[in-house]
């Protein structure tokens, strides 16, 4: 797979962390089809939020799931 098709794949999906306590609250981040995010491409704030969500699985957020991203 070429680098450009890998990038397209990464932009086509998101990993979503749904709040356990508030259905309207979730954090979502671009990822590839397997849920791998590119931490180097994230802003500092997005990276902090992603790492926070991962650390709070089972406490604040449900186990994340990968889904296709909505087109803009």
C-alpha atoms as a PDB file:
ATOM      1  CA  UNK A   1       0.000   0.000   0.000  1.00  0.00           C
ATOM      2  CA  UNK A   2       1.331   3.401  -0.888  1.00  0.00           C
ATOM      3  CA  UNK A   3       1.818   6.210   1.606  1.00  0.00           C
ATOM      4  CA  UNK A   4      -0.992   8.269   0.022  1.00  0.00           C
ATOM      5  CA  UNK A   5      -3.503   5.402   0.259  1.00  0.00           C
ATOM      6  CA  UNK A   6      -2.481   4.883   3.888  1.00  0.00           C
ATOM      7  CA  UNK A   7      -3.183   8.559   4.561  1.00  0.00           C
ATOM      8  CA  UNK A   8      -6.562   8.346   2.818  1.00  0.00           C
ATOM      9  CA  UNK A   9      -7.412   5.292   4.908  1.00  0.00           C
ATOM     10  CA  UNK A  10      -6.398   7.149   8.078  1.00  0.00           C
ATOM     11  CA  UNK A  11      -8.694  10.031   7.214  1.00  0.00           C
ATOM     12  CA  UNK A  12     -11.653   7.754   6.447  1.00  0.00           C
ATOM     13  CA  UNK A  13     -12.124   6.439  10.017  1.00  0.00           C
ATOM     14  CA  UNK A  14     -12.334   7.710  13.562  1.00  0.00           C
ATOM     15  CA  UNK A  15     -11.930   6.080  16.939  1.00  0.00           C
ATOM     16  CA  UNK A  16     -14.749   7.162  19.226  1.00  0.00           C
ATOM     17  CA  UNK A  17     -14.737   7.167  23.029  1.00  0.00           C
ATOM     18  CA  UNK A  18     -18.355   7.419  24.219  1.00  0.00           C
ATOM     19  CA  UNK A  19     -19.034   8.774  27.715  1.00  0.00           C
ATOM     20  CA  UNK A  20     -20.400   6.210  30.164  1.00  0.00           C
ATOM     21  CA  UNK A  21     -22.522   8.848  31.883  1.00  0.00           C
ATOM     22  CA  UNK A  22     -23.640  11.264  29.172  1.00  0.00           C
ATOM     23  CA  UNK A  23     -24.744   9.826  25.823  1.00  0.00           C
ATOM     24  CA  UNK A  24     -24.256  13.195  24.127  1.00  0.00           C
ATOM     25  CA  UNK A  25     -20.616  13.384  25.167  1.00  0.00           C
ATOM     26  CA  UNK A  26     -17.835  11.627  23.287  1.00  0.00           C
ATOM     27  CA  UNK A  27     -14.314  12.182  22.019  1.00  0.00           C
ATOM     28  CA  UNK A  28     -13.392  11.114  18.472  1.00  0.00           C
ATOM     29  CA  UNK A  29     -10.029  11.108  16.718  1.00  0.00           C
ATOM     30  CA  UNK A  30      -8.910  10.300  13.155  1.00  0.00           C
ATOM     31  CA  UNK A  31      -7.481   6.795  12.820  1.00  0.00           C
ATOM     32  CA  UNK A  32      -6.936   4.011  10.335  1.00  0.00           C
ATOM     33  CA  UNK A  33      -9.359   1.122   9.869  1.00  0.00           C
ATOM     34  CA  UNK A  34      -7.770  -0.760  12.780  1.00  0.00           C
ATOM     35  CA  UNK A  35      -8.024   2.143  15.257  1.00  0.00           C
ATOM     36  CA  UNK A  36      -4.392   3.277  15.108  1.00  0.00           C
ATOM     37  CA  UNK A  37      -4.032   7.045  15.487  1.00  0.00           C
ATOM     38  CA  UNK A  38      -1.092   9.140  14.309  1.00  0.00           C
ATOM     39  CA  UNK A  39      -0.032  10.888  17.527  1.00  0.00           C
ATOM     40  CA  UNK A  40       2.589  12.922  15.662  1.00  0.00           C
ATOM     41  CA  UNK A  41      -0.083  14.481  13.421  1.00  0.00           C
ATOM     42  CA  UNK A  42      -2.284  15.558  16.359  1.00  0.00           C
ATOM     43  CA  UNK A  43      -2.245  18.947  18.004  1.00  0.00           C
ATOM     44  CA  UNK A  44      -1.039  19.017  21.594  1.00  0.00           C
ATOM     45  CA  UNK A  45      -4.606  19.444  22.861  1.00  0.00           C
ATOM     46  CA  UNK A  46      -5.943  16.561  20.743  1.00  0.00           C
ATOM     47  CA  UNK A  47      -3.071  14.313  21.871  1.00  0.00           C
ATOM     48  CA  UNK A  48      -3.762  15.175  25.526  1.00  0.00           C
ATOM     49  CA  UNK A  49      -7.489  14.471  25.079  1.00  0.00           C
ATOM     50  CA  UNK A  50      -6.774  11.171  23.304  1.00  0.00           C
ATOM     51  CA  UNK A  51      -4.405   9.975  26.024  1.00  0.00           C
ATOM     52  CA  UNK A  52      -6.877  11.088  28.713  1.00  0.00           C
ATOM     53  CA  UNK A  53      -9.726   9.170  27.048  1.00  0.00           C
ATOM     54  CA  UNK A  54      -7.585   6.045  26.762  1.00  0.00           C
ATOM     55  CA  UNK A  55      -6.663   6.278  30.432  1.00  0.00           C
ATOM     56  CA  UNK A  56     -10.285   6.724  31.479  1.00  0.00           C
ATOM     57  CA  UNK A  57     -11.738   3.674  29.689  1.00  0.00           C
ATOM     58  CA  UNK A  58     -14.064   1.963  32.149  1.00  0.00           C
ATOM     59  CA  UNK A  59     -14.188   5.009  34.427  1.00  0.00           C
ATOM     60  CA  UNK A  60     -15.441   7.856  32.244  1.00  0.00           C
ATOM     61  CA  UNK A  61     -15.481   6.379  28.725  1.00  0.00           C
ATOM     62  CA  UNK A  62     -16.637   3.089  27.224  1.00  0.00           C
ATOM     63  CA  UNK A  63     -14.316   0.864  25.234  1.00  0.00           C
ATOM     64  CA  UNK A  64     -13.697   2.824  22.019  1.00  0.00           C
ATOM     65  CA  UNK A  65     -14.937   1.724  18.628  1.00  0.00           C
ATOM     66  CA  UNK A  66     -13.846   2.535  15.083  1.00  0.00           C
ATOM     67  CA  UNK A  67     -16.353   3.913  12.615  1.00  0.00           C
ATOM     68  CA  UNK A  68     -16.262   5.612   9.225  1.00  0.00           C
ATOM     69  CA  UNK A  69     -15.873   9.382   9.502  1.00  0.00           C
ATOM     70  CA  UNK A  70     -18.724  11.564   8.400  1.00  0.00           C
ATOM     71  CA  UNK A  71     -17.915  13.511   5.229  1.00  0.00           C
ATOM     72  CA  UNK A  72     -17.493  17.237   5.765  1.00  0.00           C
END
